């Protein structure tokens, strides 16, 4: 019998994870099945426990359940503890283990697919929600010259910085006037609604990479702005999606798949 895995969320029908993990399994010769699990918004734990009781070996967790998955796991990785969110659950020997692969997914996409050496770079991170929190620790581990977080609400930005012991600067978008960054990462949800973070002009340094965690067909509003502002390189979050999935696959199976051909396949289907 193949081992069972799934992505759990609400909604979940749009998820690319089944395609990604099917490709990883084919590539590595692993006997698994990977499906989609739609959980009622008030029944995450019950749905996850039912899947586990039926022999499920692991779950990827998407919105809106990453916080609930954090509380659901009995044991947590250091990066899940830092993010206060779980996007990967592993069920083994009666133990529920929770991890967060979002941050390493971003870093691996930047380093492997975008050829972006993060060490010594000036990084601007936009937003102070869960998406931003999940990538802060992995970005800091790459030893950038500085990490600055900007958010519309000052209190939220400062609370997030304080939870990381003040290891980076945080404030509102107004503090960015006259400053430039080598890497600007949009971790806000603005692109989903066609909106833009209120960036002052000139934040993109010469040769800068603009990275939007959102992805879809065509350029996001943030990337269109970055292009107009002179950013040298543009990237959306599709590579991050594949790289965080590769890390989940490694946690479950102990094998690290080759993400490049899977990312290429997703780009082809996205642009079709």
C-alpha atoms as a PDB file:
ATOM      1  CA  UNK A   1       0.000   0.000   0.000  1.00  0.00           C
ATOM      2  CA  UNK A   2       1.354   3.451  -0.828  1.00  0.00           C
ATOM      3  CA  UNK A   3       1.939   5.881   2.034  1.00  0.00           C
ATOM      4  CA  UNK A   4      -0.691   8.595   2.268  1.00  0.00           C
ATOM      5  CA  UNK A   5      -0.008  12.339   2.333  1.00  0.00           C
ATOM      6  CA  UNK A   6      -2.194  15.356   1.598  1.00  0.00           C
ATOM      7  CA  UNK A   7      -2.498  19.117   1.708  1.00  0.00           C
ATOM      8  CA  UNK A   8      -5.096  20.391   4.170  1.00  0.00           C
ATOM      9  CA  UNK A   9      -6.728  23.798   3.911  1.00  0.00           C
ATOM     10  CA  UNK A  10      -9.887  25.760   3.171  1.00  0.00           C
ATOM     11  CA  UNK A  11     -10.083  26.351   0.257  1.00  0.00           C
ATOM     12  CA  UNK A  12      -7.745  23.712  -1.126  1.00  0.00           C
ATOM     13  CA  UNK A  13      -8.925  22.813  -4.640  1.00  0.00           C
ATOM     14  CA  UNK A  14      -6.517  25.356  -6.196  1.00  0.00           C
ATOM     15  CA  UNK A  15      -3.431  23.807  -4.577  1.00  0.00           C
ATOM     16  CA  UNK A  16      -0.502  22.812  -6.803  1.00  0.00           C
ATOM     17  CA  UNK A  17       0.919  20.550  -4.085  1.00  0.00           C
ATOM     18  CA  UNK A  18      -0.542  17.271  -5.450  1.00  0.00           C
ATOM     19  CA  UNK A  19       1.166  17.862  -8.806  1.00  0.00           C
ATOM     20  CA  UNK A  20       4.443  18.852  -7.138  1.00  0.00           C
ATOM     21  CA  UNK A  21       4.595  15.838  -4.845  1.00  0.00           C
ATOM     22  CA  UNK A  22       3.506  13.444  -7.587  1.00  0.00           C
ATOM     23  CA  UNK A  23       6.513  14.659  -9.590  1.00  0.00           C
ATOM     24  CA  UNK A  24       8.818  14.335  -6.573  1.00  0.00           C
ATOM     25  CA  UNK A  25       7.565  10.762  -5.957  1.00  0.00           C
ATOM     26  CA  UNK A  26       8.043   9.788  -9.599  1.00  0.00           C
ATOM     27  CA  UNK A  27      11.506  11.310  -9.649  1.00  0.00           C
ATOM     28  CA  UNK A  28      12.659   9.516  -6.474  1.00  0.00           C
ATOM     29  CA  UNK A  29      10.764   6.233  -6.935  1.00  0.00           C
ATOM     30  CA  UNK A  30       8.714   6.671  -3.749  1.00  0.00           C
ATOM     31  CA  UNK A  31       5.425   4.783  -3.389  1.00  0.00           C
ATOM     32  CA  UNK A  32       3.107   7.483  -2.102  1.00  0.00           C
ATOM     33  CA  UNK A  33      -0.271   8.996  -2.845  1.00  0.00           C
ATOM     34  CA  UNK A  34      -0.895  12.684  -2.217  1.00  0.00           C
ATOM     35  CA  UNK A  35      -4.350  14.216  -2.113  1.00  0.00           C
ATOM     36  CA  UNK A  36      -6.314  17.276  -1.043  1.00  0.00           C
ATOM     37  CA  UNK A  37      -8.120  17.520   2.280  1.00  0.00           C
ATOM     38  CA  UNK A  38     -10.786  20.201   2.648  1.00  0.00           C
ATOM     39  CA  UNK A  39     -11.262  20.869   6.359  1.00  0.00           C
ATOM     40  CA  UNK A  40     -14.209  22.837   7.761  1.00  0.00           C
ATOM     41  CA  UNK A  41     -12.865  26.076   9.238  1.00  0.00           C
ATOM     42  CA  UNK A  42     -13.900  24.966  12.735  1.00  0.00           C
ATOM     43  CA  UNK A  43     -12.666  21.373  12.447  1.00  0.00           C
ATOM     44  CA  UNK A  44      -8.980  21.342  11.538  1.00  0.00           C
ATOM     45  CA  UNK A  45      -7.886  19.073  14.394  1.00  0.00           C
ATOM     46  CA  UNK A  46     -10.729  16.615  13.867  1.00  0.00           C
ATOM     47  CA  UNK A  47     -10.009  16.396  10.121  1.00  0.00           C
ATOM     48  CA  UNK A  48      -6.270  15.960  10.659  1.00  0.00           C
ATOM     49  CA  UNK A  49      -6.808  13.307  13.342  1.00  0.00           C
ATOM     50  CA  UNK A  50      -9.195  11.394  11.093  1.00  0.00           C
ATOM     51  CA  UNK A  51      -6.582  11.401   8.307  1.00  0.00           C
ATOM     52  CA  UNK A  52      -3.906  10.255  10.759  1.00  0.00           C
ATOM     53  CA  UNK A  53      -6.137   7.493  12.175  1.00  0.00           C
ATOM     54  CA  UNK A  54      -6.695   6.236   8.634  1.00  0.00           C
ATOM     55  CA  UNK A  55      -2.965   5.688   8.155  1.00  0.00           C
ATOM     56  CA  UNK A  56      -1.939   9.135   6.892  1.00  0.00           C
ATOM     57  CA  UNK A  57       1.788   9.794   7.240  1.00  0.00           C
ATOM     58  CA  UNK A  58       1.924  13.547   6.821  1.00  0.00           C
ATOM     59  CA  UNK A  59       0.166  16.765   5.865  1.00  0.00           C
ATOM     60  CA  UNK A  60       1.084  20.029   4.235  1.00  0.00           C
ATOM     61  CA  UNK A  61      -0.923  22.802   5.879  1.00  0.00           C
ATOM     62  CA  UNK A  62      -2.150  25.848   3.996  1.00  0.00           C
ATOM     63  CA  UNK A  63      -4.428  28.766   4.879  1.00  0.00           C
ATOM     64  CA  UNK A  64      -6.108  29.304   7.241  1.00  0.00           C
ATOM     65  CA  UNK A  65      -4.741  26.515   9.457  1.00  0.00           C
ATOM     66  CA  UNK A  66      -1.009  27.135   9.973  1.00  0.00           C
ATOM     67  CA  UNK A  67      -1.607  28.583  13.432  1.00  0.00           C
ATOM     68  CA  UNK A  68      -3.891  25.712  14.430  1.00  0.00           C
ATOM     69  CA  UNK A  69      -1.332  23.207  13.122  1.00  0.00           C
ATOM     70  CA  UNK A  70       1.250  24.895  15.371  1.00  0.00           C
ATOM     71  CA  UNK A  71      -0.956  24.180  18.396  1.00  0.00           C
ATOM     72  CA  UNK A  72      -1.861  20.698  17.105  1.00  0.00           C
ATOM     73  CA  UNK A  73       1.721  19.405  16.903  1.00  0.00           C
ATOM     74  CA  UNK A  74       3.163  17.725  20.003  1.00  0.00           C
ATOM     75  CA  UNK A  75       6.769  18.398  18.959  1.00  0.00           C
ATOM     76  CA  UNK A  76       8.048  21.397  17.003  1.00  0.00           C
ATOM     77  CA  UNK A  77      11.176  22.217  15.019  1.00  0.00           C
ATOM     78  CA  UNK A  78      13.127  25.346  15.942  1.00  0.00           C
ATOM     79  CA  UNK A  79      11.991  27.073  12.769  1.00  0.00           C
ATOM     80  CA  UNK A  80       8.331  26.259  13.494  1.00  0.00           C
ATOM     81  CA  UNK A  81       8.743  27.687  16.994  1.00  0.00           C
ATOM     82  CA  UNK A  82      10.279  30.868  15.554  1.00  0.00           C
ATOM     83  CA  UNK A  83       7.526  31.212  12.948  1.00  0.00           C
ATOM     84  CA  UNK A  84       4.765  30.256  15.422  1.00  0.00           C
ATOM     85  CA  UNK A  85       3.183  28.432  12.500  1.00  0.00           C
ATOM     86  CA  UNK A  86       3.350  24.942  11.011  1.00  0.00           C
ATOM     87  CA  UNK A  87       2.995  24.075   7.345  1.00  0.00           C
ATOM     88  CA  UNK A  88       4.318  20.483   7.541  1.00  0.00           C
ATOM     89  CA  UNK A  89       3.048  17.731   9.845  1.00  0.00           C
ATOM     90  CA  UNK A  90       4.699  14.334  10.120  1.00  0.00           C
ATOM     91  CA  UNK A  91       2.946  11.387  11.794  1.00  0.00           C
ATOM     92  CA  UNK A  92       5.312   8.672  12.926  1.00  0.00           C
ATOM     93  CA  UNK A  93       5.265   6.231  15.836  1.00  0.00           C
ATOM     94  CA  UNK A  94       2.347   7.944  17.494  1.00  0.00           C
ATOM     95  CA  UNK A  95       4.156  11.303  17.437  1.00  0.00           C
ATOM     96  CA  UNK A  96       2.849  14.468  15.764  1.00  0.00           C
ATOM     97  CA  UNK A  97       5.829  16.548  14.593  1.00  0.00           C
ATOM     98  CA  UNK A  98       5.391  20.050  13.216  1.00  0.00           C
ATOM     99  CA  UNK A  99       7.798  22.003  11.041  1.00  0.00           C
ATOM    100  CA  UNK A 100       7.759  25.167   8.941  1.00  0.00           C
ATOM    101  CA  UNK A 101       9.451  25.017   5.549  1.00  0.00           C
ATOM    102  CA  UNK A 102       8.328  28.406   4.203  1.00  0.00           C
ATOM    103  CA  UNK A 103      11.474  30.281   5.187  1.00  0.00           C
ATOM    104  CA  UNK A 104      13.902  27.692   3.878  1.00  0.00           C
ATOM    105  CA  UNK A 105      11.762  27.520   0.737  1.00  0.00           C
ATOM    106  CA  UNK A 106      12.250  31.242   0.175  1.00  0.00           C
ATOM    107  CA  UNK A 107      15.992  31.095   0.888  1.00  0.00           C
ATOM    108  CA  UNK A 108      16.506  28.082  -1.385  1.00  0.00           C
ATOM    109  CA  UNK A 109      14.582  29.729  -4.210  1.00  0.00           C
ATOM    110  CA  UNK A 110      16.646  32.892  -3.868  1.00  0.00           C
ATOM    111  CA  UNK A 111      19.976  31.068  -3.706  1.00  0.00           C
ATOM    112  CA  UNK A 112      19.373  28.172  -6.124  1.00  0.00           C
ATOM    113  CA  UNK A 113      16.932  29.530  -8.665  1.00  0.00           C
ATOM    114  CA  UNK A 114      17.587  33.277  -8.564  1.00  0.00           C
ATOM    115  CA  UNK A 115      21.376  33.049  -7.956  1.00  0.00           C
ATOM    116  CA  UNK A 116      20.984  35.601  -5.167  1.00  0.00           C
ATOM    117  CA  UNK A 117      23.670  35.504  -2.492  1.00  0.00           C
ATOM    118  CA  UNK A 118      21.866  36.828   0.589  1.00  0.00           C
ATOM    119  CA  UNK A 119      24.970  37.321   2.748  1.00  0.00           C
ATOM    120  CA  UNK A 120      25.919  40.982   2.958  1.00  0.00           C
ATOM    121  CA  UNK A 121      22.746  42.153   1.171  1.00  0.00           C
ATOM    122  CA  UNK A 122      20.441  44.908   2.395  1.00  0.00           C
ATOM    123  CA  UNK A 123      17.007  43.263   2.715  1.00  0.00           C
ATOM    124  CA  UNK A 124      13.627  44.964   2.959  1.00  0.00           C
ATOM    125  CA  UNK A 125      10.739  42.742   4.075  1.00  0.00           C
ATOM    126  CA  UNK A 126       7.231  44.104   3.506  1.00  0.00           C
ATOM    127  CA  UNK A 127       4.448  43.093   5.887  1.00  0.00           C
ATOM    128  CA  UNK A 128       4.228  41.891   9.483  1.00  0.00           C
ATOM    129  CA  UNK A 129       1.828  38.964   9.195  1.00  0.00           C
ATOM    130  CA  UNK A 130       2.392  35.222   9.253  1.00  0.00           C
ATOM    131  CA  UNK A 131       4.119  35.136   5.862  1.00  0.00           C
ATOM    132  CA  UNK A 132       6.753  37.610   7.046  1.00  0.00           C
ATOM    133  CA  UNK A 133       7.226  35.954  10.449  1.00  0.00           C
ATOM    134  CA  UNK A 134       7.843  32.579   8.808  1.00  0.00           C
ATOM    135  CA  UNK A 135      10.839  33.778   6.780  1.00  0.00           C
ATOM    136  CA  UNK A 136      12.632  36.108   9.214  1.00  0.00           C
ATOM    137  CA  UNK A 137      14.791  33.529  11.007  1.00  0.00           C
ATOM    138  CA  UNK A 138      16.003  31.773   7.819  1.00  0.00           C
ATOM    139  CA  UNK A 139      16.832  35.152   6.237  1.00  0.00           C
ATOM    140  CA  UNK A 140      18.777  36.272   9.312  1.00  0.00           C
ATOM    141  CA  UNK A 141      20.716  32.999   9.297  1.00  0.00           C
ATOM    142  CA  UNK A 142      22.096  33.977   5.880  1.00  0.00           C
ATOM    143  CA  UNK A 143      23.826  36.977   7.533  1.00  0.00           C
ATOM    144  CA  UNK A 144      22.533  39.895   5.463  1.00  0.00           C
ATOM    145  CA  UNK A 145      24.071  43.322   5.998  1.00  0.00           C
ATOM    146  CA  UNK A 146      20.691  44.413   7.367  1.00  0.00           C
ATOM    147  CA  UNK A 147      17.092  43.282   7.523  1.00  0.00           C
ATOM    148  CA  UNK A 148      14.449  45.990   7.694  1.00  0.00           C
ATOM    149  CA  UNK A 149      10.737  45.241   8.101  1.00  0.00           C
ATOM    150  CA  UNK A 150       8.110  47.750   6.983  1.00  0.00           C
ATOM    151  CA  UNK A 151       4.400  47.523   7.727  1.00  0.00           C
ATOM    152  CA  UNK A 152       1.397  49.854   7.541  1.00  0.00           C
ATOM    153  CA  UNK A 153       0.847  49.522  11.309  1.00  0.00           C
ATOM    154  CA  UNK A 154       3.766  50.511  13.525  1.00  0.00           C
ATOM    155  CA  UNK A 155       2.667  48.552  16.612  1.00  0.00           C
ATOM    156  CA  UNK A 156       2.381  45.291  14.701  1.00  0.00           C
ATOM    157  CA  UNK A 157       5.809  45.748  13.133  1.00  0.00           C
ATOM    158  CA  UNK A 158       7.433  46.536  16.473  1.00  0.00           C
ATOM    159  CA  UNK A 159       5.751  43.615  18.244  1.00  0.00           C
ATOM    160  CA  UNK A 160       7.072  41.267  15.597  1.00  0.00           C
ATOM    161  CA  UNK A 161      10.589  42.674  15.957  1.00  0.00           C
ATOM    162  CA  UNK A 162      10.401  42.338  19.742  1.00  0.00           C
ATOM    163  CA  UNK A 163       9.434  38.665  19.412  1.00  0.00           C
ATOM    164  CA  UNK A 164      12.749  38.180  17.604  1.00  0.00           C
ATOM    165  CA  UNK A 165      14.616  40.031  20.392  1.00  0.00           C
ATOM    166  CA  UNK A 166      14.985  43.171  18.283  1.00  0.00           C
ATOM    167  CA  UNK A 167      17.465  41.569  15.880  1.00  0.00           C
ATOM    168  CA  UNK A 168      16.183  43.712  12.992  1.00  0.00           C
ATOM    169  CA  UNK A 169      14.749  47.174  12.419  1.00  0.00           C
ATOM    170  CA  UNK A 170      10.982  47.529  12.072  1.00  0.00           C
ATOM    171  CA  UNK A 171       8.650  50.437  11.402  1.00  0.00           C
ATOM    172  CA  UNK A 172       6.242  51.952   8.884  1.00  0.00           C
ATOM    173  CA  UNK A 173       6.790  52.606   5.189  1.00  0.00           C
ATOM    174  CA  UNK A 174       7.565  56.257   5.936  1.00  0.00           C
ATOM    175  CA  UNK A 175      10.943  55.271   7.430  1.00  0.00           C
ATOM    176  CA  UNK A 176      12.079  53.981   4.020  1.00  0.00           C
ATOM    177  CA  UNK A 177      12.345  57.408   2.398  1.00  0.00           C
ATOM    178  CA  UNK A 178      15.830  57.948   1.028  1.00  0.00           C
ATOM    179  CA  UNK A 179      16.948  54.346   1.681  1.00  0.00           C
ATOM    180  CA  UNK A 180      17.818  51.621  -0.830  1.00  0.00           C
ATOM    181  CA  UNK A 181      17.838  47.830  -0.661  1.00  0.00           C
ATOM    182  CA  UNK A 182      19.391  45.015  -2.673  1.00  0.00           C
ATOM    183  CA  UNK A 183      16.529  42.584  -2.037  1.00  0.00           C
ATOM    184  CA  UNK A 184      12.905  43.634  -1.498  1.00  0.00           C
ATOM    185  CA  UNK A 185      10.527  40.835  -0.470  1.00  0.00           C
ATOM    186  CA  UNK A 186       6.773  41.418  -0.546  1.00  0.00           C
ATOM    187  CA  UNK A 187       5.207  39.270   2.189  1.00  0.00           C
ATOM    188  CA  UNK A 188       1.929  41.212   2.206  1.00  0.00           C
ATOM    189  CA  UNK A 189      -1.294  39.956   0.653  1.00  0.00           C
ATOM    190  CA  UNK A 190      -1.695  43.158  -1.384  1.00  0.00           C
ATOM    191  CA  UNK A 191      -1.089  41.411  -4.713  1.00  0.00           C
ATOM    192  CA  UNK A 192      -4.115  39.168  -4.121  1.00  0.00           C
ATOM    193  CA  UNK A 193      -6.396  42.199  -4.258  1.00  0.00           C
ATOM    194  CA  UNK A 194      -4.490  44.113  -6.923  1.00  0.00           C
ATOM    195  CA  UNK A 195      -3.157  46.613  -4.405  1.00  0.00           C
ATOM    196  CA  UNK A 196       0.346  47.867  -3.655  1.00  0.00           C
ATOM    197  CA  UNK A 197       2.302  48.425  -0.449  1.00  0.00           C
ATOM    198  CA  UNK A 198       2.866  52.208  -0.111  1.00  0.00           C
ATOM    199  CA  UNK A 199       6.569  52.182  -0.974  1.00  0.00           C
ATOM    200  CA  UNK A 200       8.332  55.518  -1.392  1.00  0.00           C
ATOM    201  CA  UNK A 201      10.185  55.906  -4.688  1.00  0.00           C
ATOM    202  CA  UNK A 202      13.800  54.839  -4.938  1.00  0.00           C
ATOM    203  CA  UNK A 203      13.932  51.855  -2.550  1.00  0.00           C
ATOM    204  CA  UNK A 204      15.334  49.511  -5.209  1.00  0.00           C
ATOM    205  CA  UNK A 205      19.129  49.753  -5.312  1.00  0.00           C
ATOM    206  CA  UNK A 206      21.019  49.267  -8.551  1.00  0.00           C
ATOM    207  CA  UNK A 207      20.914  45.580  -9.437  1.00  0.00           C
ATOM    208  CA  UNK A 208      18.119  44.918  -6.892  1.00  0.00           C
ATOM    209  CA  UNK A 209      15.959  41.797  -6.873  1.00  0.00           C
ATOM    210  CA  UNK A 210      12.231  42.299  -6.255  1.00  0.00           C
ATOM    211  CA  UNK A 211      10.525  39.177  -4.887  1.00  0.00           C
ATOM    212  CA  UNK A 212       6.776  38.721  -4.446  1.00  0.00           C
ATOM    213  CA  UNK A 213       5.659  35.705  -2.387  1.00  0.00           C
ATOM    214  CA  UNK A 214       2.420  35.731  -4.358  1.00  0.00           C
ATOM    215  CA  UNK A 215       2.261  34.150  -7.802  1.00  0.00           C
ATOM    216  CA  UNK A 216      -0.156  33.772 -10.666  1.00  0.00           C
ATOM    217  CA  UNK A 217      -0.467  34.233 -14.372  1.00  0.00           C
ATOM    218  CA  UNK A 218       1.221  37.468 -15.360  1.00  0.00           C
ATOM    219  CA  UNK A 219       3.097  40.018 -13.285  1.00  0.00           C
ATOM    220  CA  UNK A 220       1.806  40.958  -9.835  1.00  0.00           C
ATOM    221  CA  UNK A 221       1.202  44.672  -9.133  1.00  0.00           C
ATOM    222  CA  UNK A 222       4.258  44.717  -6.850  1.00  0.00           C
ATOM    223  CA  UNK A 223       6.526  43.290  -9.548  1.00  0.00           C
ATOM    224  CA  UNK A 224       5.116  45.725 -12.113  1.00  0.00           C
ATOM    225  CA  UNK A 225       5.959  48.568  -9.725  1.00  0.00           C
ATOM    226  CA  UNK A 226       9.441  47.160  -9.166  1.00  0.00           C
ATOM    227  CA  UNK A 227      10.040  46.971 -12.905  1.00  0.00           C
ATOM    228  CA  UNK A 228       8.942  50.587 -13.323  1.00  0.00           C
ATOM    229  CA  UNK A 229      11.201  51.598 -10.411  1.00  0.00           C
ATOM    230  CA  UNK A 230      14.218  50.004 -12.085  1.00  0.00           C
ATOM    231  CA  UNK A 231      14.633  46.702 -10.236  1.00  0.00           C
ATOM    232  CA  UNK A 232      17.091  44.565 -12.183  1.00  0.00           C
ATOM    233  CA  UNK A 233      15.508  41.187 -11.374  1.00  0.00           C
ATOM    234  CA  UNK A 234      11.938  40.095 -10.685  1.00  0.00           C
ATOM    235  CA  UNK A 235      10.685  36.858  -9.130  1.00  0.00           C
ATOM    236  CA  UNK A 236       7.331  35.584  -7.933  1.00  0.00           C
ATOM    237  CA  UNK A 237       6.642  32.987  -5.228  1.00  0.00           C
ATOM    238  CA  UNK A 238       6.226  29.919  -7.430  1.00  0.00           C
ATOM    239  CA  UNK A 239       9.817  28.861  -6.796  1.00  0.00           C
ATOM    240  CA  UNK A 240       9.286  29.264  -3.055  1.00  0.00           C
ATOM    241  CA  UNK A 241       6.231  26.994  -3.306  1.00  0.00           C
ATOM    242  CA  UNK A 242       8.269  24.254  -4.976  1.00  0.00           C
ATOM    243  CA  UNK A 243      11.256  24.627  -2.655  1.00  0.00           C
ATOM    244  CA  UNK A 244       9.196  24.503   0.536  1.00  0.00           C
ATOM    245  CA  UNK A 245       7.484  21.396  -0.842  1.00  0.00           C
ATOM    246  CA  UNK A 246      10.891  19.809  -1.532  1.00  0.00           C
ATOM    247  CA  UNK A 247      11.841  20.423   2.103  1.00  0.00           C
ATOM    248  CA  UNK A 248       8.568  18.823   3.254  1.00  0.00           C
ATOM    249  CA  UNK A 249       9.274  15.812   1.046  1.00  0.00           C
ATOM    250  CA  UNK A 250      12.721  15.502   2.631  1.00  0.00           C
ATOM    251  CA  UNK A 251      11.205  15.632   6.146  1.00  0.00           C
ATOM    252  CA  UNK A 252       8.774  12.851   5.257  1.00  0.00           C
ATOM    253  CA  UNK A 253      10.891  10.589   3.064  1.00  0.00           C
ATOM    254  CA  UNK A 254      14.528  11.399   3.875  1.00  0.00           C
ATOM    255  CA  UNK A 255      15.219  12.133   0.205  1.00  0.00           C
ATOM    256  CA  UNK A 256      15.804  15.528  -1.359  1.00  0.00           C
ATOM    257  CA  UNK A 257      14.160  15.784  -4.804  1.00  0.00           C
ATOM    258  CA  UNK A 258      15.438  17.908  -7.668  1.00  0.00           C
ATOM    259  CA  UNK A 259      13.201  20.957  -7.666  1.00  0.00           C
ATOM    260  CA  UNK A 260      14.370  22.464 -10.987  1.00  0.00           C
ATOM    261  CA  UNK A 261      12.384  20.250 -13.413  1.00  0.00           C
ATOM    262  CA  UNK A 262       9.256  20.518 -11.245  1.00  0.00           C
ATOM    263  CA  UNK A 263       9.498  24.296 -11.179  1.00  0.00           C
ATOM    264  CA  UNK A 264       9.955  24.304 -14.956  1.00  0.00           C
ATOM    265  CA  UNK A 265       6.819  22.149 -15.346  1.00  0.00           C
ATOM    266  CA  UNK A 266       4.786  24.504 -13.142  1.00  0.00           C
ATOM    267  CA  UNK A 267       5.989  27.539 -15.089  1.00  0.00           C
ATOM    268  CA  UNK A 268       4.861  25.896 -18.327  1.00  0.00           C
ATOM    269  CA  UNK A 269       1.390  25.090 -16.962  1.00  0.00           C
ATOM    270  CA  UNK A 270       1.114  28.532 -15.335  1.00  0.00           C
ATOM    271  CA  UNK A 271       1.893  30.350 -18.570  1.00  0.00           C
ATOM    272  CA  UNK A 272      -0.247  28.093 -20.754  1.00  0.00           C
END
